[in-house]
Amino acid sequence: MSDPANTISFQGMLGAYSMMACRAAYPDMTPLPCRTFNDAFEAVRSGEAALAMIPIDNSVAGRVADIHHLLPQSGLHIVGEHFQRVNHQLLAVPGTTIDELTHVHSHVHALGQVRKLVAELGVEPVVHVDTAGAAKDIAAAGVKSQGAISSELAAELYGLDILRSDVEDSEHNTTRFVVMNKQPIDPGPDQAGLVTTFVFSVRNIPASLYKAMGGFATNGVNMTKLESYVDADFNAAQFYADVEGHPEQTALKLALEELDFFTDHLHILGTYPSHDFRRRKA
């Protein structure tokens, strides 16, 4: 039994990229695989894990489906972020040659990131729940015609050969994760290099989003991410945002006060130190 205080949950099976992110960001913690995102959240809520590593978007595939709905409902708080470089490997059972492959299995996002390889090989893509699960399934089947797009870690765990390395279409293929905790961890307004994440819904009035964003521009607050998503009635009035700064710092405090005039709902998910990846790209 692992120590819950030293355990970090993730969605996926052993060998998933989320597990690799857990190992990279928290090498001393034990990764806990979970079937769904809600299961990963519940592991933290119940005390089975101290943290959850949750993918939020990818530089190639875009937003992780449904995550914007799930984060506010999780009851957890964002306390950190991690950027994980994604290097896809073409895997197969030992002794397979590339020309024997007829199908390649993986998560829908991963398949979308290796379109050039799929076209080059003329294989049929097969969607799985996750990349590691695809690797595990083809290892269990033991059929040489079936390949998988997954991680180097999955190849090691499931005894598969790597037929070709780093097969992703884009060299900048990177996934951003947020780290969730049962309690918020406030880094304080005096620390530099902070990110605040929040979700909000605008009032149903003309130019409400334009007016809501005005406070960030006039107060010089850099908004690094803004995405809309539909609510239960399919009204595109829900938004997810990342901004630089702390809510108690003057510029962001004023911007949020102005935002409040044009919103029906504002939920701050967390304020946390930015990852080094942002600073390297600045």
C-alpha atoms as a PDB file:
ATOM      1  CA  MET A   1       0.000   0.000   0.000  1.00  0.00           C
ATOM      2  CA  SER A   2       1.383   3.397  -0.978  1.00  0.00           C
ATOM      3  CA  ASP A   3       1.275   6.365   1.376  1.00  0.00           C
ATOM      4  CA  PRO A   4      -1.714   8.558   0.342  1.00  0.00           C
ATOM      5  CA  ALA A   5       0.234  11.682   1.287  1.00  0.00           C
ATOM      6  CA  ASN A   6       2.888  10.641  -1.233  1.00  0.00           C
ATOM      7  CA  THR A   7       0.509   9.530  -4.026  1.00  0.00           C
ATOM      8  CA  ILE A   8      -0.547  11.399  -7.175  1.00  0.00           C
ATOM      9  CA  SER A   9      -3.511  10.230  -9.251  1.00  0.00           C
ATOM     10  CA  PHE A  10      -3.862  10.408 -13.030  1.00  0.00           C
ATOM     11  CA  GLN A  11      -6.371   9.301 -15.671  1.00  0.00           C
ATOM     12  CA  GLY A  12      -5.137   6.362 -17.696  1.00  0.00           C
ATOM     13  CA  MET A  13      -3.280   3.112 -17.387  1.00  0.00           C
ATOM     14  CA  LEU A  14       0.289   2.400 -16.356  1.00  0.00           C
ATOM     15  CA  GLY A  15       2.541   3.803 -19.076  1.00  0.00           C
ATOM     16  CA  ALA A  16       0.260   6.726 -20.004  1.00  0.00           C
ATOM     17  CA  TYR A  17       1.770  10.134 -20.775  1.00  0.00           C
ATOM     18  CA  SER A  18       0.006  11.426 -17.665  1.00  0.00           C
ATOM     19  CA  MET A  19       2.028   8.916 -15.653  1.00  0.00           C
ATOM     20  CA  MET A  20       5.197  10.217 -17.305  1.00  0.00           C
ATOM     21  CA  ALA A  21       4.140  13.747 -16.299  1.00  0.00           C
ATOM     22  CA  CYS A  22       3.665  12.555 -12.701  1.00  0.00           C
ATOM     23  CA  ARG A  23       7.152  11.044 -12.693  1.00  0.00           C
ATOM     24  CA  ALA A  24       8.732  14.137 -14.234  1.00  0.00           C
ATOM     25  CA  ALA A  25       7.045  16.676 -11.944  1.00  0.00           C
ATOM     26  CA  TYR A  26       6.909  14.609  -8.740  1.00  0.00           C
ATOM     27  CA  PRO A  27       9.591  11.903  -8.996  1.00  0.00           C
ATOM     28  CA  ASP A  28       9.296  10.985  -5.311  1.00  0.00           C
ATOM     29  CA  MET A  29       5.525  10.391  -5.447  1.00  0.00           C
ATOM     30  CA  THR A  30       3.741   7.164  -6.404  1.00  0.00           C
ATOM     31  CA  PRO A  31       1.513   7.509  -9.521  1.00  0.00           C
ATOM     32  CA  LEU A  32      -2.002   6.090  -9.097  1.00  0.00           C
ATOM     33  CA  PRO A  33      -3.771   5.080 -12.355  1.00  0.00           C
ATOM     34  CA  CYS A  34      -7.497   5.875 -12.534  1.00  0.00           C
ATOM     35  CA  ARG A  35     -10.102   4.891 -15.117  1.00  0.00           C
ATOM     36  CA  THR A  36     -11.646   8.351 -15.585  1.00  0.00           C
ATOM     37  CA  PHE A  37     -10.895  11.965 -14.739  1.00  0.00           C
ATOM     38  CA  ASN A  38     -13.637  11.853 -12.119  1.00  0.00           C
ATOM     39  CA  ASP A  39     -11.954   8.812 -10.565  1.00  0.00           C
ATOM     40  CA  ALA A  40      -8.684  10.774 -10.406  1.00  0.00           C
ATOM     41  CA  PHE A  41     -10.503  13.657  -8.698  1.00  0.00           C
ATOM     42  CA  GLU A  42     -12.241  11.300  -6.293  1.00  0.00           C
ATOM     43  CA  ALA A  43      -8.913   9.769  -5.277  1.00  0.00           C
ATOM     44  CA  VAL A  44      -7.889  13.216  -3.997  1.00  0.00           C
ATOM     45  CA  ARG A  45     -11.267  14.029  -2.458  1.00  0.00           C
ATOM     46  CA  SER A  46     -11.305  10.721  -0.559  1.00  0.00           C
ATOM     47  CA  GLY A  47      -7.712  11.052   0.630  1.00  0.00           C
ATOM     48  CA  GLU A  48      -6.398   8.134  -1.426  1.00  0.00           C
ATOM     49  CA  ALA A  49      -4.044  10.568  -3.174  1.00  0.00           C
ATOM     50  CA  ALA A  50      -2.645  13.971  -2.277  1.00  0.00           C
ATOM     51  CA  LEU A  51      -2.589  15.384  -5.812  1.00  0.00           C
ATOM     52  CA  ALA A  52      -4.068  14.766  -9.256  1.00  0.00           C
ATOM     53  CA  MET A  53      -2.230  15.351 -12.561  1.00  0.00           C
ATOM     54  CA  ILE A  54      -4.812  16.433 -15.154  1.00  0.00           C
ATOM     55  CA  PRO A  55      -4.114  17.230 -18.846  1.00  0.00           C
ATOM     56  CA  ILE A  56      -5.833  20.393 -19.996  1.00  0.00           C
ATOM     57  CA  ASP A  57      -4.651  20.953 -23.556  1.00  0.00           C
ATOM     58  CA  ASN A  58      -2.108  19.954 -26.168  1.00  0.00           C
ATOM     59  CA  SER A  59      -0.177  22.178 -28.558  1.00  0.00           C
ATOM     60  CA  VAL A  60      -1.280  20.057 -31.536  1.00  0.00           C
ATOM     61  CA  ALA A  61      -4.616  18.470 -30.589  1.00  0.00           C
ATOM     62  CA  GLY A  62      -5.996  21.416 -28.611  1.00  0.00           C
ATOM     63  CA  ARG A  63      -8.261  21.237 -25.584  1.00  0.00           C
ATOM     64  CA  VAL A  64      -8.806  17.949 -23.779  1.00  0.00           C
ATOM     65  CA  ALA A  65     -12.489  17.092 -24.253  1.00  0.00           C
ATOM     66  CA  ASP A  66     -14.857  17.898 -21.359  1.00  0.00           C
ATOM     67  CA  ILE A  67     -12.109  19.035 -19.005  1.00  0.00           C
ATOM     68  CA  HIS A  68     -13.436  22.602 -18.721  1.00  0.00           C
ATOM     69  CA  HIS A  69     -16.746  21.215 -17.466  1.00  0.00           C
ATOM     70  CA  LEU A  70     -15.084  18.793 -15.056  1.00  0.00           C
ATOM     71  CA  LEU A  71     -12.580  21.083 -13.337  1.00  0.00           C
ATOM     72  CA  PRO A  72     -15.112  23.456 -11.687  1.00  0.00           C
ATOM     73  CA  GLN A  73     -17.239  20.480 -10.604  1.00  0.00           C
ATOM     74  CA  SER A  74     -14.298  18.578  -9.102  1.00  0.00           C
ATOM     75  CA  GLY A  75     -14.274  20.483  -5.826  1.00  0.00           C
ATOM     76  CA  LEU A  76     -10.474  20.634  -6.101  1.00  0.00           C
ATOM     77  CA  HIS A  77      -8.047  23.518  -6.547  1.00  0.00           C
ATOM     78  CA  ILE A  78      -5.231  24.064  -9.044  1.00  0.00           C
ATOM     79  CA  VAL A  79      -1.922  24.358  -7.176  1.00  0.00           C
ATOM     80  CA  GLY A  80       0.540  23.926 -10.029  1.00  0.00           C
ATOM     81  CA  GLU A  81       1.092  23.243 -13.716  1.00  0.00           C
ATOM     82  CA  HIS A  82       3.403  21.029 -15.745  1.00  0.00           C
ATOM     83  CA  PHE A  83       4.312  20.972 -19.441  1.00  0.00           C
ATOM     84  CA  GLN A  84       5.194  17.530 -20.790  1.00  0.00           C
ATOM     85  CA  ARG A  85       6.854  16.980 -24.155  1.00  0.00           C
ATOM     86  CA  VAL A  86       5.041  14.181 -25.991  1.00  0.00           C
ATOM     87  CA  ASN A  87       7.198  11.782 -28.004  1.00  0.00           C
ATOM     88  CA  HIS A  88       5.104   9.087 -29.651  1.00  0.00           C
ATOM     89  CA  GLN A  89       6.565   5.666 -30.382  1.00  0.00           C
ATOM     90  CA  LEU A  90       5.282   3.101 -32.887  1.00  0.00           C
ATOM     91  CA  LEU A  91       5.015  -0.124 -30.891  1.00  0.00           C
ATOM     92  CA  ALA A  92       4.354  -3.746 -31.834  1.00  0.00           C
ATOM     93  CA  VAL A  93       4.780  -7.222 -30.410  1.00  0.00           C
ATOM     94  CA  PRO A  94       8.388  -8.496 -30.479  1.00  0.00           C
ATOM     95  CA  GLY A  95       9.617  -9.671 -33.874  1.00  0.00           C
ATOM     96  CA  THR A  96       7.168  -7.540 -35.889  1.00  0.00           C
ATOM     97  CA  THR A  97       8.355  -5.597 -38.936  1.00  0.00           C
ATOM     98  CA  ILE A  98       6.681  -2.368 -40.023  1.00  0.00           C
ATOM     99  CA  ASP A  99       5.416  -3.834 -43.300  1.00  0.00           C
ATOM    100  CA  GLU A 100       3.409  -6.435 -41.341  1.00  0.00           C
ATOM    101  CA  LEU A 101       1.226  -3.777 -39.702  1.00  0.00           C
ATOM    102  CA  THR A 102      -2.343  -3.302 -40.944  1.00  0.00           C
ATOM    103  CA  HIS A 103      -3.808  -1.401 -37.975  1.00  0.00           C
ATOM    104  CA  VAL A 104      -2.471   1.055 -35.442  1.00  0.00           C
ATOM    105  CA  HIS A 105      -4.227   1.632 -32.093  1.00  0.00           C
ATOM    106  CA  SER A 106      -4.167   4.658 -29.788  1.00  0.00           C
ATOM    107  CA  HIS A 107      -6.112   7.484 -28.163  1.00  0.00           C
ATOM    108  CA  VAL A 108      -7.956   9.712 -30.623  1.00  0.00           C
ATOM    109  CA  HIS A 109      -5.672  12.680 -29.831  1.00  0.00           C
ATOM    110  CA  ALA A 110      -2.532  10.615 -30.352  1.00  0.00           C
ATOM    111  CA  LEU A 111      -3.805   9.295 -33.683  1.00  0.00           C
ATOM    112  CA  GLY A 112      -4.469  12.878 -34.728  1.00  0.00           C
ATOM    113  CA  GLN A 113      -0.847  13.712 -33.946  1.00  0.00           C
ATOM    114  CA  VAL A 114       0.629  10.997 -36.214  1.00  0.00           C
ATOM    115  CA  ARG A 115      -1.397  11.483 -39.383  1.00  0.00           C
ATOM    116  CA  LYS A 116       1.726  11.521 -41.571  1.00  0.00           C
ATOM    117  CA  LEU A 117       2.826   8.133 -40.266  1.00  0.00           C
ATOM    118  CA  VAL A 118      -0.635   6.615 -40.721  1.00  0.00           C
ATOM    119  CA  ALA A 119      -0.751   7.880 -44.305  1.00  0.00           C
ATOM    120  CA  GLU A 120       2.799   6.712 -45.050  1.00  0.00           C
ATOM    121  CA  LEU A 121       2.164   3.187 -43.768  1.00  0.00           C
ATOM    122  CA  GLY A 122      -1.375   2.939 -45.168  1.00  0.00           C
ATOM    123  CA  VAL A 123      -2.636   1.413 -41.905  1.00  0.00           C
ATOM    124  CA  GLU A 124      -6.099   1.642 -40.362  1.00  0.00           C
ATOM    125  CA  PRO A 125      -6.252   3.803 -37.202  1.00  0.00           C
ATOM    126  CA  VAL A 126      -8.201   2.292 -34.272  1.00  0.00           C
ATOM    127  CA  VAL A 127      -9.344   4.515 -31.393  1.00  0.00           C
ATOM    128  CA  HIS A 128      -8.731   3.382 -27.803  1.00  0.00           C
ATOM    129  CA  VAL A 129      -9.525   4.987 -24.451  1.00  0.00           C
ATOM    130  CA  ASP A 130      -5.876   5.876 -23.914  1.00  0.00           C
ATOM    131  CA  THR A 131      -2.422   5.323 -25.391  1.00  0.00           C
ATOM    132  CA  ALA A 132      -1.186   2.972 -22.675  1.00  0.00           C
ATOM    133  CA  GLY A 133      -4.358   0.887 -22.898  1.00  0.00           C
ATOM    134  CA  ALA A 134      -3.743   0.455 -26.627  1.00  0.00           C
ATOM    135  CA  ALA A 135      -0.216  -0.778 -25.922  1.00  0.00           C
ATOM    136  CA  LYS A 136      -1.461  -3.182 -23.255  1.00  0.00           C
ATOM    137  CA  ASP A 137      -4.179  -4.556 -25.553  1.00  0.00           C
ATOM    138  CA  ILE A 138      -1.893  -5.287 -28.507  1.00  0.00           C
ATOM    139  CA  ALA A 139       0.628  -6.890 -26.153  1.00  0.00           C
ATOM    140  CA  ALA A 140      -2.108  -9.167 -24.799  1.00  0.00           C
ATOM    141  CA  ALA A 141      -3.377 -10.020 -28.295  1.00  0.00           C
ATOM    142  CA  GLY A 142       0.100 -10.852 -29.590  1.00  0.00           C
ATOM    143  CA  VAL A 143      -0.858 -10.266 -33.233  1.00  0.00           C
ATOM    144  CA  LYS A 144       1.883  -8.866 -35.464  1.00  0.00           C
ATOM    145  CA  SER A 145      -0.522  -6.970 -37.722  1.00  0.00           C
ATOM    146  CA  GLN A 146      -1.578  -4.687 -34.835  1.00  0.00           C
ATOM    147  CA  GLY A 147       0.571  -1.743 -33.749  1.00  0.00           C
ATOM    148  CA  ALA A 148       0.114   1.008 -31.169  1.00  0.00           C
ATOM    149  CA  ILE A 149       1.072   4.637 -30.763  1.00  0.00           C
ATOM    150  CA  SER A 150       2.195   5.045 -27.184  1.00  0.00           C
ATOM    151  CA  SER A 151       5.094   5.979 -24.941  1.00  0.00           C
ATOM    152  CA  GLU A 152       8.547   4.522 -24.417  1.00  0.00           C
ATOM    153  CA  LEU A 153       7.423   3.742 -20.861  1.00  0.00           C
ATOM    154  CA  ALA A 154       4.480   1.700 -22.189  1.00  0.00           C
ATOM    155  CA  ALA A 155       6.842  -0.287 -24.422  1.00  0.00           C
ATOM    156  CA  GLU A 156       8.954  -1.098 -21.385  1.00  0.00           C
ATOM    157  CA  LEU A 157       6.003  -2.009 -19.157  1.00  0.00           C
ATOM    158  CA  TYR A 158       4.210  -4.228 -21.685  1.00  0.00           C
ATOM    159  CA  GLY A 159       7.224  -5.834 -23.390  1.00  0.00           C
ATOM    160  CA  LEU A 160       6.748  -4.294 -26.838  1.00  0.00           C
ATOM    161  CA  ASP A 161       9.266  -3.408 -29.535  1.00  0.00           C
ATOM    162  CA  ILE A 162       9.690   0.177 -30.707  1.00  0.00           C
ATOM    163  CA  LEU A 163       9.523   0.004 -34.504  1.00  0.00           C
ATOM    164  CA  ARG A 164      10.007   3.739 -34.990  1.00  0.00           C
ATOM    165  CA  SER A 165      10.728   6.506 -32.472  1.00  0.00           C
ATOM    166  CA  ASP A 166       9.365  10.063 -32.210  1.00  0.00           C
ATOM    167  CA  VAL A 167       6.713   9.630 -34.891  1.00  0.00           C
ATOM    168  CA  GLU A 168       4.646  12.703 -33.961  1.00  0.00           C
ATOM    169  CA  ASP A 169       3.949  15.117 -36.825  1.00  0.00           C
ATOM    170  CA  SER A 170       5.006  18.212 -34.895  1.00  0.00           C
ATOM    171  CA  GLU A 171       8.251  18.803 -33.028  1.00  0.00           C
ATOM    172  CA  HIS A 172       6.492  21.093 -30.536  1.00  0.00           C
ATOM    173  CA  ASN A 173       3.992  18.447 -29.417  1.00  0.00           C
ATOM    174  CA  THR A 174       3.535  19.362 -25.737  1.00  0.00           C
ATOM    175  CA  THR A 175       0.737  18.734 -23.255  1.00  0.00           C
ATOM    176  CA  ARG A 176      -0.070  21.131 -20.440  1.00  0.00           C
ATOM    177  CA  PHE A 177      -1.220  19.592 -17.170  1.00  0.00           C
ATOM    178  CA  VAL A 178      -2.687  21.204 -14.070  1.00  0.00           C
ATOM    179  CA  VAL A 179      -2.024  19.800 -10.601  1.00  0.00           C
ATOM    180  CA  MET A 180      -5.084  19.561  -8.349  1.00  0.00           C
ATOM    181  CA  ASN A 181      -5.229  19.554  -4.550  1.00  0.00           C
ATOM    182  CA  LYS A 182      -8.058  19.196  -2.046  1.00  0.00           C
ATOM    183  CA  GLN A 183      -7.104  22.531  -0.499  1.00  0.00           C
ATOM    184  CA  PRO A 184      -5.868  25.712  -2.209  1.00  0.00           C
ATOM    185  CA  ILE A 185      -2.232  26.652  -1.724  1.00  0.00           C
ATOM    186  CA  ASP A 186      -1.922  30.429  -1.901  1.00  0.00           C
ATOM    187  CA  PRO A 187       1.595  31.453  -2.980  1.00  0.00           C
ATOM    188  CA  GLY A 188       0.900  35.023  -1.839  1.00  0.00           C
ATOM    189  CA  PRO A 189       0.782  38.264  -3.832  1.00  0.00           C
ATOM    190  CA  ASP A 190       4.447  39.095  -3.347  1.00  0.00           C
ATOM    191  CA  GLN A 191       5.715  36.252  -5.531  1.00  0.00           C
ATOM    192  CA  ALA A 192       6.472  36.896  -9.188  1.00  0.00           C
ATOM    193  CA  GLY A 193       5.605  34.584 -12.067  1.00  0.00           C
ATOM    194  CA  LEU A 194       2.127  33.511 -10.948  1.00  0.00           C
ATOM    195  CA  VAL A 195      -0.836  32.253 -12.972  1.00  0.00           C
ATOM    196  CA  THR A 196      -4.485  32.550 -11.931  1.00  0.00           C
ATOM    197  CA  THR A 197      -7.061  30.276 -13.557  1.00  0.00           C
ATOM    198  CA  PHE A 198     -10.796  30.937 -13.434  1.00  0.00           C
ATOM    199  CA  VAL A 199     -14.059  30.142 -15.187  1.00  0.00           C
ATOM    200  CA  PHE A 200     -16.897  32.587 -15.706  1.00  0.00           C
ATOM    201  CA  SER A 201     -20.148  33.162 -17.545  1.00  0.00           C
ATOM    202  CA  VAL A 202     -21.082  36.517 -19.038  1.00  0.00           C
ATOM    203  CA  ARG A 203     -24.449  38.185 -18.768  1.00  0.00           C
ATOM    204  CA  ASN A 204     -26.758  37.941 -21.743  1.00  0.00           C
ATOM    205  CA  ILE A 205     -26.272  41.519 -22.930  1.00  0.00           C
ATOM    206  CA  PRO A 206     -24.716  42.903 -26.132  1.00  0.00           C
ATOM    207  CA  ALA A 207     -20.903  43.045 -26.168  1.00  0.00           C
ATOM    208  CA  SER A 208     -20.710  41.565 -22.659  1.00  0.00           C
ATOM    209  CA  LEU A 209     -17.521  39.614 -23.353  1.00  0.00           C
ATOM    210  CA  TYR A 210     -15.863  42.629 -24.966  1.00  0.00           C
ATOM    211  CA  LYS A 211     -16.729  44.758 -21.939  1.00  0.00           C
ATOM    212  CA  ALA A 212     -15.686  42.035 -19.510  1.00  0.00           C
ATOM    213  CA  MET A 213     -12.246  41.806 -21.108  1.00  0.00           C
ATOM    214  CA  GLY A 214     -11.718  45.569 -21.050  1.00  0.00           C
ATOM    215  CA  GLY A 215     -10.515  45.579 -17.451  1.00  0.00           C
ATOM    216  CA  PHE A 216      -7.640  43.259 -18.242  1.00  0.00           C
ATOM    217  CA  ALA A 217      -6.453  45.475 -21.089  1.00  0.00           C
ATOM    218  CA  THR A 218      -6.740  48.759 -19.198  1.00  0.00           C
ATOM    219  CA  ASN A 219      -4.959  47.349 -16.141  1.00  0.00           C
ATOM    220  CA  GLY A 220      -2.175  45.728 -18.157  1.00  0.00           C
ATOM    221  CA  VAL A 221      -2.989  42.139 -17.177  1.00  0.00           C
ATOM    222  CA  ASN A 222      -1.730  39.543 -19.647  1.00  0.00           C
ATOM    223  CA  MET A 223      -4.354  36.904 -20.478  1.00  0.00           C
ATOM    224  CA  THR A 224      -2.538  33.821 -21.750  1.00  0.00           C
ATOM    225  CA  LYS A 225      -5.595  31.685 -22.454  1.00  0.00           C
ATOM    226  CA  LEU A 226      -9.305  32.281 -23.093  1.00  0.00           C
ATOM    227  CA  GLU A 227     -11.609  29.543 -24.339  1.00  0.00           C
ATOM    228  CA  SER A 228     -15.373  29.282 -24.598  1.00  0.00           C
ATOM    229  CA  TYR A 229     -17.423  26.165 -24.029  1.00  0.00           C
ATOM    230  CA  VAL A 230     -21.138  25.473 -24.151  1.00  0.00           C
ATOM    231  CA  ASP A 231     -23.382  24.947 -21.155  1.00  0.00           C
ATOM    232  CA  ALA A 232     -26.249  22.460 -20.893  1.00  0.00           C
ATOM    233  CA  ASP A 233     -28.412  24.698 -23.113  1.00  0.00           C
ATOM    234  CA  PHE A 234     -25.670  25.022 -25.762  1.00  0.00           C
ATOM    235  CA  ASN A 235     -25.147  28.703 -25.088  1.00  0.00           C
ATOM    236  CA  ALA A 236     -21.486  29.613 -25.677  1.00  0.00           C
ATOM    237  CA  ALA A 237     -21.465  31.803 -22.591  1.00  0.00           C
ATOM    238  CA  GLN A 238     -19.059  29.838 -20.411  1.00  0.00           C
ATOM    239  CA  PHE A 239     -15.365  30.737 -20.479  1.00  0.00           C
ATOM    240  CA  TYR A 240     -12.090  29.383 -19.129  1.00  0.00           C
ATOM    241  CA  ALA A 241      -9.197  31.821 -18.649  1.00  0.00           C
ATOM    242  CA  ASP A 242      -5.565  31.915 -17.515  1.00  0.00           C
ATOM    243  CA  VAL A 243      -4.076  35.265 -16.559  1.00  0.00           C
ATOM    244  CA  GLU A 244      -0.759  36.355 -15.145  1.00  0.00           C
ATOM    245  CA  GLY A 245      -0.702  37.555 -11.560  1.00  0.00           C
ATOM    246  CA  HIS A 246      -2.347  37.103  -8.155  1.00  0.00           C
ATOM    247  CA  PRO A 247      -5.920  38.240  -7.373  1.00  0.00           C
ATOM    248  CA  GLU A 248      -4.585  40.465  -4.574  1.00  0.00           C
ATOM    249  CA  GLN A 249      -2.104  42.235  -6.833  1.00  0.00           C
ATOM    250  CA  THR A 250      -3.528  45.628  -7.758  1.00  0.00           C
ATOM    251  CA  ALA A 251      -3.749  45.195 -11.526  1.00  0.00           C
ATOM    252  CA  LEU A 252      -5.480  41.813 -11.443  1.00  0.00           C
ATOM    253  CA  LYS A 253      -7.687  42.814  -8.501  1.00  0.00           C
ATOM    254  CA  LEU A 254      -9.037  45.781 -10.461  1.00  0.00           C
ATOM    255  CA  ALA A 255      -9.493  43.691 -13.612  1.00  0.00           C
ATOM    256  CA  LEU A 256     -11.498  41.049 -11.723  1.00  0.00           C
ATOM    257  CA  GLU A 257     -13.638  43.732 -10.102  1.00  0.00           C
ATOM    258  CA  GLU A 258     -14.505  45.093 -13.539  1.00  0.00           C
ATOM    259  CA  LEU A 259     -15.140  41.580 -14.844  1.00  0.00           C
ATOM    260  CA  ASP A 260     -17.644  41.057 -12.028  1.00  0.00           C
ATOM    261  CA  PHE A 261     -19.911  43.776 -13.477  1.00  0.00           C
ATOM    262  CA  PHE A 262     -20.515  41.706 -16.621  1.00  0.00           C
ATOM    263  CA  THR A 263     -20.606  38.146 -15.269  1.00  0.00           C
ATOM    264  CA  ASP A 264     -23.263  35.945 -13.738  1.00  0.00           C
ATOM    265  CA  HIS A 265     -20.689  33.606 -12.252  1.00  0.00           C
ATOM    266  CA  LEU A 266     -16.964  33.719 -11.509  1.00  0.00           C
ATOM    267  CA  HIS A 267     -15.051  30.789 -10.009  1.00  0.00           C
ATOM    268  CA  ILE A 268     -11.314  31.029  -9.349  1.00  0.00           C
ATOM    269  CA  LEU A 269      -9.837  27.541  -9.685  1.00  0.00           C
ATOM    270  CA  GLY A 270      -6.424  28.455  -8.337  1.00  0.00           C
ATOM    271  CA  THR A 271      -3.386  30.707  -8.256  1.00  0.00           C
ATOM    272  CA  TYR A 272      -0.032  28.963  -8.637  1.00  0.00           C
ATOM    273  CA  PRO A 273       3.572  29.413  -9.816  1.00  0.00           C
ATOM    274  CA  SER A 274       4.046  29.281 -13.579  1.00  0.00           C
ATOM    275  CA  HIS A 275       6.071  26.387 -14.970  1.00  0.00           C
ATOM    276  CA  ASP A 276       9.597  26.967 -16.276  1.00  0.00           C
ATOM    277  CA  PHE A 277       8.326  26.095 -19.778  1.00  0.00           C
ATOM    278  CA  ARG A 278       6.510  29.454 -19.915  1.00  0.00           C
ATOM    279  CA  ARG A 279       9.641  31.356 -18.973  1.00  0.00           C
ATOM    280  CA  ARG A 280      11.713  29.556 -21.603  1.00  0.00           C
ATOM    281  CA  LYS A 281       9.144  30.511 -24.264  1.00  0.00           C
ATOM    282  CA  ALA A 282       8.901  34.138 -23.113  1.00  0.00           C
END
